[in-house]
C-alpha cells in the first residue's frame, strides 16, 4: 500500500486513498475486490467453470474409473460411439473418452501451471529490473526481448523440441523459458511508470537503496498487472502445450494431453467419429476463454482506480 497510503480528510474525516481512489466507510479492501470481481458476470461464470474443470480432472477419477494406460485391454471398444458404459464414446485406441479427458486434463493443467510460473518469475524480474534501471541497460535488455518476440514462438518451441526431444520436464522448461518475453515488456512499463513517483523519490531521498525500492514499493504496486499477466500466462502455456500436442510433439505416451487428443480425433473426424473431437475441443476452448475473462476481472479488482466506478 505504498502508493495508496490512507489519509484522513480534515473536513469529512473519511478515509480515502492518496491517489484519489476513495475507500467506502466500513468496507475492507478485500470486500471491494470481491464486489468489483462479482460485478463481472462473465468472470464469475468463468471462475465457476475453471473450478469445475479442476474438480473434473482431479476429483472425477475417484468416482469414474476407466483404464487410461493399457491400450491392449481396450481393443474391443475401439471407436465405440457414446452409449451405455461410455458416456462420451471411445477413441481409436479404445480408451474411454470421458476418462481420457480427466487423464489428459491433469497433465495439461499441471504443465501449463508450472510453465506459467517459470515465465512469470523470469518476466517479472527481468521487466522490473530493466524498467527501474533505465538507460543503456534497459535498452540492451529490451532489444533482446524485441529480437526474441520477432521470432514466432511456435517455431522456437518446435526447433528446441526437435533438437532435444520431448519429455514432461523439457516441455515445462521450454514453455516457461520461451514464454516470458511479453510479460517482461508489460512489467517494464509498470516499473517505468512507478520509478519516478513521489513515494519512490521520498524513499531514495531518505537513503533507501534500489533493492528496498524494488521489493518494498515497486513490486507491491504491480500486483494488478502481475495477476493479469499470470492468468494470461496460464492460458498461453496451456494453449502452447495443446498446439504442440496437435502437431504430434506433446506429452509422450503413456501420458497424453488435450492437444494430442484433438490431433488424434481430427484424424478420425472425416469418417464420422465426431465424439473424439467435439468434447475435448469444447472443454479446452472454454477453459482458455475463461482464463481471459478472469484475468480482465482480476485486473479491475486489484486496480485501485477501478474499484470505485
C-alpha atoms as a PDB file:
ATOM      1  CA  UNK A   1       0.000   0.000   0.000  1.00  0.00           C
ATOM      2  CA  UNK A   2       2.953   2.331  -0.508  1.00  0.00           C
ATOM      3  CA  UNK A   3       1.309   4.400  -3.234  1.00  0.00           C
ATOM      4  CA  UNK A   4      -2.148   4.229  -1.755  1.00  0.00           C
ATOM      5  CA  UNK A   5      -1.483   5.306   1.806  1.00  0.00           C
ATOM      6  CA  UNK A   6      -4.701   6.038   3.623  1.00  0.00           C
ATOM      7  CA  UNK A   7      -5.038   9.690   4.574  1.00  0.00           C
ATOM      8  CA  UNK A   8      -7.646  11.390   6.725  1.00  0.00           C
ATOM      9  CA  UNK A   9      -9.507  14.260   5.148  1.00  0.00           C
ATOM     10  CA  UNK A  10      -9.768  17.113   7.625  1.00  0.00           C
ATOM     11  CA  UNK A  11     -13.225  18.222   6.525  1.00  0.00           C
ATOM     12  CA  UNK A  12     -15.073  14.916   6.463  1.00  0.00           C
ATOM     13  CA  UNK A  13     -12.801  12.595   8.496  1.00  0.00           C
ATOM     14  CA  UNK A  14     -13.497   9.977   5.795  1.00  0.00           C
ATOM     15  CA  UNK A  15     -10.566   7.776   4.821  1.00  0.00           C
ATOM     16  CA  UNK A  16      -9.509   7.918   1.197  1.00  0.00           C
ATOM     17  CA  UNK A  17      -6.611   6.702  -0.870  1.00  0.00           C
ATOM     18  CA  UNK A  18      -3.775   9.057  -1.654  1.00  0.00           C
ATOM     19  CA  UNK A  19      -4.122   8.579  -5.404  1.00  0.00           C
ATOM     20  CA  UNK A  20      -7.781   9.517  -5.460  1.00  0.00           C
ATOM     21  CA  UNK A  21      -9.490   6.125  -5.078  1.00  0.00           C
ATOM     22  CA  UNK A  22     -11.828   6.571  -2.103  1.00  0.00           C
ATOM     23  CA  UNK A  23     -12.426   3.777   0.370  1.00  0.00           C
ATOM     24  CA  UNK A  24     -16.004   3.259   1.405  1.00  0.00           C
ATOM     25  CA  UNK A  25     -16.582   3.552   5.138  1.00  0.00           C
ATOM     26  CA  UNK A  26     -16.547   0.143   6.763  1.00  0.00           C
ATOM     27  CA  UNK A  27     -15.730  -1.708   3.532  1.00  0.00           C
ATOM     28  CA  UNK A  28     -12.435  -3.523   3.550  1.00  0.00           C
ATOM     29  CA  UNK A  29     -10.174  -3.767   0.541  1.00  0.00           C
ATOM     30  CA  UNK A  30     -10.919  -7.468   0.130  1.00  0.00           C
ATOM     31  CA  UNK A  31     -14.647  -6.778   0.047  1.00  0.00           C
ATOM     32  CA  UNK A  32     -14.094  -4.082  -2.552  1.00  0.00           C
ATOM     33  CA  UNK A  33     -12.115  -6.505  -4.681  1.00  0.00           C
ATOM     34  CA  UNK A  34     -14.803  -9.172  -4.372  1.00  0.00           C
ATOM     35  CA  UNK A  35     -17.504  -6.632  -5.213  1.00  0.00           C
ATOM     36  CA  UNK A  36     -15.721  -5.487  -8.357  1.00  0.00           C
ATOM     37  CA  UNK A  37     -14.955  -9.049  -9.411  1.00  0.00           C
ATOM     38  CA  UNK A  38     -18.513 -10.279  -8.802  1.00  0.00           C
ATOM     39  CA  UNK A  39     -19.882  -7.379 -10.857  1.00  0.00           C
ATOM     40  CA  UNK A  40     -18.356  -9.057 -13.909  1.00  0.00           C
ATOM     41  CA  UNK A  41     -20.845 -11.862 -14.546  1.00  0.00           C
ATOM     42  CA  UNK A  42     -18.730 -13.466 -17.265  1.00  0.00           C
ATOM     43  CA  UNK A  43     -15.765 -13.630 -14.899  1.00  0.00           C
ATOM     44  CA  UNK A  44     -17.872 -15.265 -12.180  1.00  0.00           C
ATOM     45  CA  UNK A  45     -19.162 -17.854 -14.642  1.00  0.00           C
ATOM     46  CA  UNK A  46     -15.618 -18.372 -15.916  1.00  0.00           C
ATOM     47  CA  UNK A  47     -14.282 -18.880 -12.385  1.00  0.00           C
ATOM     48  CA  UNK A  48     -17.001 -21.439 -11.710  1.00  0.00           C
ATOM     49  CA  UNK A  49     -16.087 -23.215 -14.951  1.00  0.00           C
ATOM     50  CA  UNK A  50     -12.354 -23.302 -14.113  1.00  0.00           C
ATOM     51  CA  UNK A  51     -13.109 -24.699 -10.662  1.00  0.00           C
ATOM     52  CA  UNK A  52     -15.415 -27.243 -12.285  1.00  0.00           C
ATOM     53  CA  UNK A  53     -12.653 -28.331 -14.680  1.00  0.00           C
ATOM     54  CA  UNK A  54     -10.217 -28.719 -11.789  1.00  0.00           C
ATOM     55  CA  UNK A  55     -12.695 -30.843  -9.860  1.00  0.00           C
ATOM     56  CA  UNK A  56     -13.479 -32.818 -13.003  1.00  0.00           C
ATOM     57  CA  UNK A  57      -9.816 -33.613 -13.685  1.00  0.00           C
ATOM     58  CA  UNK A  58      -8.630 -34.288 -10.139  1.00  0.00           C
ATOM     59  CA  UNK A  59     -11.715 -35.476  -8.238  1.00  0.00           C
ATOM     60  CA  UNK A  60     -13.588 -37.080 -11.141  1.00  0.00           C
ATOM     61  CA  UNK A  61     -11.297 -40.146 -11.439  1.00  0.00           C
ATOM     62  CA  UNK A  62     -12.223 -41.165  -7.887  1.00  0.00           C
ATOM     63  CA  UNK A  63     -15.850 -41.545  -8.984  1.00  0.00           C
ATOM     64  CA  UNK A  64     -15.450 -42.530 -12.634  1.00  0.00           C
ATOM     65  CA  UNK A  65     -12.923 -45.323 -13.105  1.00  0.00           C
ATOM     66  CA  UNK A  66     -11.501 -46.145 -16.537  1.00  0.00           C
ATOM     67  CA  UNK A  67      -8.382 -47.718 -17.995  1.00  0.00           C
ATOM     68  CA  UNK A  68      -6.093 -44.997 -19.392  1.00  0.00           C
ATOM     69  CA  UNK A  69      -2.720 -46.721 -19.500  1.00  0.00           C
ATOM     70  CA  UNK A  70      -3.048 -50.116 -21.220  1.00  0.00           C
ATOM     71  CA  UNK A  71      -4.462 -49.936 -24.737  1.00  0.00           C
ATOM     72  CA  UNK A  72      -4.317 -53.719 -25.117  1.00  0.00           C
ATOM     73  CA  UNK A  73      -7.120 -54.040 -22.581  1.00  0.00           C
ATOM     74  CA  UNK A  74      -9.400 -51.773 -24.601  1.00  0.00           C
ATOM     75  CA  UNK A  75      -9.159 -53.149 -28.151  1.00  0.00           C
ATOM     76  CA  UNK A  76     -12.764 -54.360 -28.115  1.00  0.00           C
ATOM     77  CA  UNK A  77     -14.051 -50.800 -27.645  1.00  0.00           C
ATOM     78  CA  UNK A  78     -12.155 -49.123 -30.472  1.00  0.00           C
ATOM     79  CA  UNK A  79     -14.088 -46.144 -31.923  1.00  0.00           C
ATOM     80  CA  UNK A  80     -17.177 -47.034 -29.903  1.00  0.00           C
ATOM     81  CA  UNK A  81     -19.834 -44.267 -30.086  1.00  0.00           C
ATOM     82  CA  UNK A  82     -21.353 -42.696 -26.949  1.00  0.00           C
ATOM     83  CA  UNK A  83     -23.641 -45.087 -25.170  1.00  0.00           C
ATOM     84  CA  UNK A  84     -24.105 -47.199 -22.099  1.00  0.00           C
ATOM     85  CA  UNK A  85     -20.847 -47.603 -20.221  1.00  0.00           C
ATOM     86  CA  UNK A  86     -19.142 -44.989 -22.427  1.00  0.00           C
ATOM     87  CA  UNK A  87     -20.935 -41.614 -21.978  1.00  0.00           C
ATOM     88  CA  UNK A  88     -18.632 -39.883 -24.493  1.00  0.00           C
ATOM     89  CA  UNK A  89     -17.623 -42.945 -26.502  1.00  0.00           C
ATOM     90  CA  UNK A  90     -14.160 -44.431 -27.008  1.00  0.00           C
ATOM     91  CA  UNK A  91     -11.226 -43.309 -29.147  1.00  0.00           C
ATOM     92  CA  UNK A  92      -9.148 -45.084 -31.801  1.00  0.00           C
ATOM     93  CA  UNK A  93      -7.207 -46.959 -29.122  1.00  0.00           C
ATOM     94  CA  UNK A  94     -10.314 -47.996 -27.233  1.00  0.00           C
ATOM     95  CA  UNK A  95      -9.775 -45.594 -24.342  1.00  0.00           C
ATOM     96  CA  UNK A  96     -12.872 -44.173 -22.672  1.00  0.00           C
ATOM     97  CA  UNK A  97     -13.019 -40.516 -23.774  1.00  0.00           C
ATOM     98  CA  UNK A  98     -14.615 -39.210 -20.579  1.00  0.00           C
ATOM     99  CA  UNK A  99     -11.826 -40.743 -18.523  1.00  0.00           C
ATOM    100  CA  UNK A 100      -9.305 -39.631 -21.148  1.00  0.00           C
ATOM    101  CA  UNK A 101     -10.401 -36.011 -20.706  1.00  0.00           C
ATOM    102  CA  UNK A 102      -9.636 -36.244 -16.990  1.00  0.00           C
ATOM    103  CA  UNK A 103      -6.344 -38.045 -17.563  1.00  0.00           C
ATOM    104  CA  UNK A 104      -5.146 -35.594 -20.229  1.00  0.00           C
ATOM    105  CA  UNK A 105      -6.502 -32.614 -18.300  1.00  0.00           C
ATOM    106  CA  UNK A 106      -4.259 -33.273 -15.305  1.00  0.00           C
ATOM    107  CA  UNK A 107      -1.170 -33.258 -17.498  1.00  0.00           C
ATOM    108  CA  UNK A 108      -2.246 -30.150 -19.416  1.00  0.00           C
ATOM    109  CA  UNK A 109      -3.120 -28.185 -16.276  1.00  0.00           C
ATOM    110  CA  UNK A 110      -0.002 -29.198 -14.353  1.00  0.00           C
ATOM    111  CA  UNK A 111       2.408 -28.477 -17.192  1.00  0.00           C
ATOM    112  CA  UNK A 112       0.605 -25.255 -18.033  1.00  0.00           C
ATOM    113  CA  UNK A 113       0.757 -24.060 -14.433  1.00  0.00           C
ATOM    114  CA  UNK A 114       4.435 -24.886 -13.932  1.00  0.00           C
ATOM    115  CA  UNK A 115       5.400 -23.291 -17.245  1.00  0.00           C
ATOM    116  CA  UNK A 116       3.380 -20.172 -16.358  1.00  0.00           C
ATOM    117  CA  UNK A 117       5.167 -19.902 -13.003  1.00  0.00           C
ATOM    118  CA  UNK A 118       8.568 -20.054 -14.696  1.00  0.00           C
ATOM    119  CA  UNK A 119       7.634 -17.463 -17.316  1.00  0.00           C
ATOM    120  CA  UNK A 120       6.107 -15.201 -14.656  1.00  0.00           C
ATOM    121  CA  UNK A 121       9.178 -15.293 -12.401  1.00  0.00           C
ATOM    122  CA  UNK A 122      11.558 -14.546 -15.256  1.00  0.00           C
ATOM    123  CA  UNK A 123       9.310 -11.990 -16.954  1.00  0.00           C
ATOM    124  CA  UNK A 124       8.502 -10.054 -13.785  1.00  0.00           C
ATOM    125  CA  UNK A 125      12.096  -9.935 -12.571  1.00  0.00           C
ATOM    126  CA  UNK A 126      13.539  -9.101 -15.983  1.00  0.00           C
ATOM    127  CA  UNK A 127      10.968  -6.429 -16.814  1.00  0.00           C
ATOM    128  CA  UNK A 128      11.033  -4.641 -13.455  1.00  0.00           C
ATOM    129  CA  UNK A 129      14.834  -4.606 -13.334  1.00  0.00           C
ATOM    130  CA  UNK A 130      15.091  -3.227 -16.873  1.00  0.00           C
ATOM    131  CA  UNK A 131      12.389  -0.593 -16.315  1.00  0.00           C
ATOM    132  CA  UNK A 132      13.779   0.567 -12.986  1.00  0.00           C
ATOM    133  CA  UNK A 133      17.406   0.841 -14.142  1.00  0.00           C
ATOM    134  CA  UNK A 134      16.611   2.518 -17.447  1.00  0.00           C
ATOM    135  CA  UNK A 135      19.314   3.957 -19.675  1.00  0.00           C
ATOM    136  CA  UNK A 136      21.663   1.758 -21.679  1.00  0.00           C
ATOM    137  CA  UNK A 137      20.965  -1.330 -19.571  1.00  0.00           C
ATOM    138  CA  UNK A 138      17.260  -1.044 -20.282  1.00  0.00           C
ATOM    139  CA  UNK A 139      17.883  -0.533 -23.997  1.00  0.00           C
ATOM    140  CA  UNK A 140      20.134  -3.574 -24.289  1.00  0.00           C
ATOM    141  CA  UNK A 141      17.810  -5.813 -22.295  1.00  0.00           C
ATOM    142  CA  UNK A 142      14.717  -4.796 -24.234  1.00  0.00           C
ATOM    143  CA  UNK A 143      16.402  -5.119 -27.622  1.00  0.00           C
ATOM    144  CA  UNK A 144      16.978  -8.767 -26.735  1.00  0.00           C
ATOM    145  CA  UNK A 145      13.297  -9.121 -25.877  1.00  0.00           C
ATOM    146  CA  UNK A 146      12.290  -7.425 -29.124  1.00  0.00           C
ATOM    147  CA  UNK A 147      14.545  -9.762 -31.094  1.00  0.00           C
ATOM    148  CA  UNK A 148      13.013 -12.822 -29.449  1.00  0.00           C
ATOM    149  CA  UNK A 149       9.479 -11.526 -29.965  1.00  0.00           C
ATOM    150  CA  UNK A 150      10.207 -11.063 -33.676  1.00  0.00           C
ATOM    151  CA  UNK A 151      10.597 -14.840 -33.991  1.00  0.00           C
ATOM    152  CA  UNK A 152       7.304 -16.764 -33.969  1.00  0.00           C
ATOM    153  CA  UNK A 153       7.102 -18.522 -30.632  1.00  0.00           C
ATOM    154  CA  UNK A 154       5.789 -21.763 -32.076  1.00  0.00           C
ATOM    155  CA  UNK A 155       8.816 -22.032 -34.374  1.00  0.00           C
ATOM    156  CA  UNK A 156      11.142 -21.634 -31.386  1.00  0.00           C
ATOM    157  CA  UNK A 157       9.308 -24.354 -29.493  1.00  0.00           C
ATOM    158  CA  UNK A 158       9.367 -26.699 -32.466  1.00  0.00           C
ATOM    159  CA  UNK A 159      13.087 -26.126 -33.046  1.00  0.00           C
ATOM    160  CA  UNK A 160      14.052 -26.777 -29.421  1.00  0.00           C
ATOM    161  CA  UNK A 161      11.903 -29.898 -29.109  1.00  0.00           C
ATOM    162  CA  UNK A 162      13.209 -31.219 -32.434  1.00  0.00           C
ATOM    163  CA  UNK A 163      16.779 -30.819 -31.161  1.00  0.00           C
ATOM    164  CA  UNK A 164      16.408 -32.136 -27.616  1.00  0.00           C
ATOM    165  CA  UNK A 165      13.423 -34.466 -27.818  1.00  0.00           C
ATOM    166  CA  UNK A 166      10.324 -34.243 -25.647  1.00  0.00           C
ATOM    167  CA  UNK A 167       9.504 -35.087 -22.079  1.00  0.00           C
ATOM    168  CA  UNK A 168       7.390 -33.503 -19.379  1.00  0.00           C
ATOM    169  CA  UNK A 169      10.368 -31.715 -17.845  1.00  0.00           C
ATOM    170  CA  UNK A 170      11.604 -30.431 -21.176  1.00  0.00           C
ATOM    171  CA  UNK A 171       8.147 -29.208 -22.174  1.00  0.00           C
ATOM    172  CA  UNK A 172       7.794 -27.276 -18.915  1.00  0.00           C
ATOM    173  CA  UNK A 173      11.218 -25.669 -19.338  1.00  0.00           C
ATOM    174  CA  UNK A 174      10.702 -24.856 -22.997  1.00  0.00           C
ATOM    175  CA  UNK A 175       7.263 -23.317 -22.471  1.00  0.00           C
ATOM    176  CA  UNK A 176       8.468 -21.355 -19.446  1.00  0.00           C
ATOM    177  CA  UNK A 177      11.790 -20.151 -20.858  1.00  0.00           C
ATOM    178  CA  UNK A 178      10.270 -19.013 -24.153  1.00  0.00           C
ATOM    179  CA  UNK A 179       7.025 -17.581 -22.824  1.00  0.00           C
ATOM    180  CA  UNK A 180       8.132 -14.623 -20.703  1.00  0.00           C
ATOM    181  CA  UNK A 181       9.050 -12.009 -23.323  1.00  0.00           C
ATOM    182  CA  UNK A 182       5.636 -10.354 -23.466  1.00  0.00           C
ATOM    183  CA  UNK A 183       5.372 -10.449 -19.661  1.00  0.00           C
ATOM    184  CA  UNK A 184       8.687  -8.623 -19.381  1.00  0.00           C
ATOM    185  CA  UNK A 185       7.506  -5.782 -21.604  1.00  0.00           C
ATOM    186  CA  UNK A 186       4.362  -5.259 -19.562  1.00  0.00           C
ATOM    187  CA  UNK A 187       6.244  -5.288 -16.253  1.00  0.00           C
ATOM    188  CA  UNK A 188       8.885  -2.926 -17.637  1.00  0.00           C
ATOM    189  CA  UNK A 189       6.175  -0.408 -18.491  1.00  0.00           C
ATOM    190  CA  UNK A 190       4.837  -0.666 -14.920  1.00  0.00           C
ATOM    191  CA  UNK A 191       8.300  -0.150 -13.444  1.00  0.00           C
ATOM    192  CA  UNK A 192       8.922   2.915 -15.622  1.00  0.00           C
ATOM    193  CA  UNK A 193       5.631   4.477 -14.511  1.00  0.00           C
ATOM    194  CA  UNK A 194       6.463   3.892 -10.830  1.00  0.00           C
ATOM    195  CA  UNK A 195      10.180   4.652 -10.575  1.00  0.00           C
ATOM    196  CA  UNK A 196       9.686   8.448 -10.697  1.00  0.00           C
ATOM    197  CA  UNK A 197       6.639   8.586  -8.421  1.00  0.00           C
ATOM    198  CA  UNK A 198       6.775  10.713  -5.271  1.00  0.00           C
ATOM    199  CA  UNK A 199       6.938   7.790  -2.861  1.00  0.00           C
ATOM    200  CA  UNK A 200       9.978   6.346  -4.683  1.00  0.00           C
ATOM    201  CA  UNK A 201      11.718   9.717  -4.616  1.00  0.00           C
ATOM    202  CA  UNK A 202      10.958  10.001  -0.904  1.00  0.00           C
ATOM    203  CA  UNK A 203      12.487   6.599  -0.174  1.00  0.00           C
ATOM    204  CA  UNK A 204      15.518   7.456  -2.289  1.00  0.00           C
ATOM    205  CA  UNK A 205      15.977  10.804  -0.517  1.00  0.00           C
ATOM    206  CA  UNK A 206      15.946   9.025   2.845  1.00  0.00           C
ATOM    207  CA  UNK A 207      18.778   6.755   1.746  1.00  0.00           C
ATOM    208  CA  UNK A 208      16.778   3.755   0.596  1.00  0.00           C
ATOM    209  CA  UNK A 209      18.615   1.548  -1.860  1.00  0.00           C
ATOM    210  CA  UNK A 210      17.400   0.120  -5.150  1.00  0.00           C
ATOM    211  CA  UNK A 211      16.731  -3.271  -3.602  1.00  0.00           C
ATOM    212  CA  UNK A 212      14.426  -1.830  -0.966  1.00  0.00           C
ATOM    213  CA  UNK A 213      12.620   0.322  -3.520  1.00  0.00           C
ATOM    214  CA  UNK A 214      12.006  -2.624  -5.837  1.00  0.00           C
ATOM    215  CA  UNK A 215      10.995  -5.166  -3.173  1.00  0.00           C
ATOM    216  CA  UNK A 216       9.035  -2.901  -0.840  1.00  0.00           C
ATOM    217  CA  UNK A 217       7.499  -0.417  -3.274  1.00  0.00           C
ATOM    218  CA  UNK A 218       7.712  -1.339  -6.963  1.00  0.00           C
ATOM    219  CA  UNK A 219       6.662  -4.994  -6.668  1.00  0.00           C
ATOM    220  CA  UNK A 220       3.670  -4.443  -4.330  1.00  0.00           C
ATOM    221  CA  UNK A 221       2.327  -1.767  -6.644  1.00  0.00           C
ATOM    222  CA  UNK A 222       2.448  -4.003  -9.710  1.00  0.00           C
ATOM    223  CA  UNK A 223       0.210  -6.684  -8.209  1.00  0.00           C
ATOM    224  CA  UNK A 224      -2.700  -5.883 -10.517  1.00  0.00           C
ATOM    225  CA  UNK A 225      -0.501  -6.281 -13.597  1.00  0.00           C
ATOM    226  CA  UNK A 226       1.139  -9.446 -12.242  1.00  0.00           C
ATOM    227  CA  UNK A 227      -2.235 -11.059 -11.567  1.00  0.00           C
ATOM    228  CA  UNK A 228      -3.457 -10.223 -15.057  1.00  0.00           C
ATOM    229  CA  UNK A 229      -0.208 -11.398 -16.625  1.00  0.00           C
ATOM    230  CA  UNK A 230      -0.344 -14.586 -14.559  1.00  0.00           C
ATOM    231  CA  UNK A 231      -3.812 -15.601 -15.727  1.00  0.00           C
ATOM    232  CA  UNK A 232      -2.915 -14.892 -19.340  1.00  0.00           C
ATOM    233  CA  UNK A 233       0.369 -16.785 -18.907  1.00  0.00           C
ATOM    234  CA  UNK A 234      -1.553 -19.811 -17.654  1.00  0.00           C
ATOM    235  CA  UNK A 235      -3.877 -19.675 -20.649  1.00  0.00           C
ATOM    236  CA  UNK A 236      -0.956 -19.130 -23.008  1.00  0.00           C
ATOM    237  CA  UNK A 237       1.006 -22.074 -21.618  1.00  0.00           C
ATOM    238  CA  UNK A 238      -1.955 -24.437 -21.947  1.00  0.00           C
ATOM    239  CA  UNK A 239      -2.601 -23.142 -25.458  1.00  0.00           C
ATOM    240  CA  UNK A 240       1.057 -23.624 -26.455  1.00  0.00           C
ATOM    241  CA  UNK A 241       1.128 -27.128 -24.987  1.00  0.00           C
ATOM    242  CA  UNK A 242      -2.071 -28.011 -26.824  1.00  0.00           C
ATOM    243  CA  UNK A 243      -0.614 -26.639 -30.062  1.00  0.00           C
ATOM    244  CA  UNK A 244       2.458 -28.837 -29.662  1.00  0.00           C
ATOM    245  CA  UNK A 245       0.265 -31.828 -28.905  1.00  0.00           C
ATOM    246  CA  UNK A 246      -1.808 -31.157 -32.011  1.00  0.00           C
ATOM    247  CA  UNK A 247       1.413 -31.167 -34.048  1.00  0.00           C
ATOM    248  CA  UNK A 248       2.417 -34.504 -32.536  1.00  0.00           C
ATOM    249  CA  UNK A 249       5.034 -33.055 -30.174  1.00  0.00           C
ATOM    250  CA  UNK A 250       3.071 -33.140 -26.949  1.00  0.00           C
ATOM    251  CA  UNK A 251       3.475 -35.302 -23.875  1.00  0.00           C
ATOM    252  CA  UNK A 252       4.862 -38.733 -24.853  1.00  0.00           C
ATOM    253  CA  UNK A 253       2.905 -41.917 -24.192  1.00  0.00           C
ATOM    254  CA  UNK A 254       1.639 -43.420 -21.963  1.00  0.00           C
ATOM    255  CA  UNK A 255       0.642 -39.930 -20.796  1.00  0.00           C
ATOM    256  CA  UNK A 256      -1.314 -37.604 -23.040  1.00  0.00           C
ATOM    257  CA  UNK A 257      -2.671 -34.074 -23.222  1.00  0.00           C
ATOM    258  CA  UNK A 258      -5.628 -32.288 -24.772  1.00  0.00           C
ATOM    259  CA  UNK A 259      -3.670 -31.332 -27.892  1.00  0.00           C
ATOM    260  CA  UNK A 260      -2.785 -34.949 -28.607  1.00  0.00           C
ATOM    261  CA  UNK A 261      -6.432 -35.917 -28.132  1.00  0.00           C
ATOM    262  CA  UNK A 262      -7.506 -33.248 -30.619  1.00  0.00           C
ATOM    263  CA  UNK A 263      -4.864 -34.356 -33.119  1.00  0.00           C
ATOM    264  CA  UNK A 264      -5.929 -37.993 -32.908  1.00  0.00           C
ATOM    265  CA  UNK A 265      -9.589 -37.045 -33.025  1.00  0.00           C
ATOM    266  CA  UNK A 266      -9.257 -34.989 -36.193  1.00  0.00           C
ATOM    267  CA  UNK A 267      -7.702 -37.966 -37.952  1.00  0.00           C
ATOM    268  CA  UNK A 268     -10.964 -39.857 -37.410  1.00  0.00           C
ATOM    269  CA  UNK A 269     -13.351 -36.919 -37.763  1.00  0.00           C
ATOM    270  CA  UNK A 270     -13.690 -37.372 -41.504  1.00  0.00           C
ATOM    271  CA  UNK A 271     -15.102 -40.867 -41.058  1.00  0.00           C
ATOM    272  CA  UNK A 272     -17.817 -39.671 -38.686  1.00  0.00           C
ATOM    273  CA  UNK A 273     -16.226 -40.235 -35.281  1.00  0.00           C
ATOM    274  CA  UNK A 274     -17.221 -36.749 -34.083  1.00  0.00           C
ATOM    275  CA  UNK A 275     -17.194 -37.747 -30.382  1.00  0.00           C
ATOM    276  CA  UNK A 276     -13.411 -37.982 -30.489  1.00  0.00           C
ATOM    277  CA  UNK A 277     -13.088 -34.277 -31.302  1.00  0.00           C
ATOM    278  CA  UNK A 278     -16.004 -32.199 -30.025  1.00  0.00           C
ATOM    279  CA  UNK A 279     -15.802 -32.864 -26.244  1.00  0.00           C
ATOM    280  CA  UNK A 280     -12.109 -32.101 -25.887  1.00  0.00           C
ATOM    281  CA  UNK A 281     -12.280 -29.047 -28.166  1.00  0.00           C
ATOM    282  CA  UNK A 282     -15.224 -27.637 -26.234  1.00  0.00           C
ATOM    283  CA  UNK A 283     -13.575 -28.235 -22.856  1.00  0.00           C
ATOM    284  CA  UNK A 284     -10.260 -26.753 -23.962  1.00  0.00           C
ATOM    285  CA  UNK A 285     -11.584 -23.658 -25.756  1.00  0.00           C
ATOM    286  CA  UNK A 286     -13.949 -22.711 -22.943  1.00  0.00           C
ATOM    287  CA  UNK A 287     -11.088 -23.016 -20.453  1.00  0.00           C
ATOM    288  CA  UNK A 288      -8.848 -20.655 -22.436  1.00  0.00           C
ATOM    289  CA  UNK A 289     -11.652 -18.100 -22.804  1.00  0.00           C
ATOM    290  CA  UNK A 290     -12.445 -18.410 -19.086  1.00  0.00           C
ATOM    291  CA  UNK A 291      -8.880 -17.573 -18.095  1.00  0.00           C
ATOM    292  CA  UNK A 292      -9.048 -14.443 -20.248  1.00  0.00           C
ATOM    293  CA  UNK A 293     -12.274 -13.263 -18.617  1.00  0.00           C
ATOM    294  CA  UNK A 294     -10.872 -13.976 -15.161  1.00  0.00           C
ATOM    295  CA  UNK A 295      -7.707 -12.031 -15.979  1.00  0.00           C
ATOM    296  CA  UNK A 296      -9.688  -8.960 -17.013  1.00  0.00           C
ATOM    297  CA  UNK A 297     -11.826  -9.099 -13.873  1.00  0.00           C
ATOM    298  CA  UNK A 298      -8.839  -9.628 -11.577  1.00  0.00           C
ATOM    299  CA  UNK A 299      -7.131  -6.614 -13.102  1.00  0.00           C
ATOM    300  CA  UNK A 300     -10.175  -4.491 -12.290  1.00  0.00           C
ATOM    301  CA  UNK A 301     -10.378  -5.911  -8.773  1.00  0.00           C
ATOM    302  CA  UNK A 302      -6.745  -5.158  -7.963  1.00  0.00           C
ATOM    303  CA  UNK A 303      -6.576  -1.817  -9.717  1.00  0.00           C
ATOM    304  CA  UNK A 304      -7.331   0.922  -7.158  1.00  0.00           C
ATOM    305  CA  UNK A 305      -8.565   3.414  -9.694  1.00  0.00           C
ATOM    306  CA  UNK A 306     -11.197   0.969 -10.920  1.00  0.00           C
ATOM    307  CA  UNK A 307     -12.594  -0.022  -7.528  1.00  0.00           C
ATOM    308  CA  UNK A 308     -14.986   2.898  -7.435  1.00  0.00           C
ATOM    309  CA  UNK A 309     -16.694   3.093 -10.836  1.00  0.00           C
END
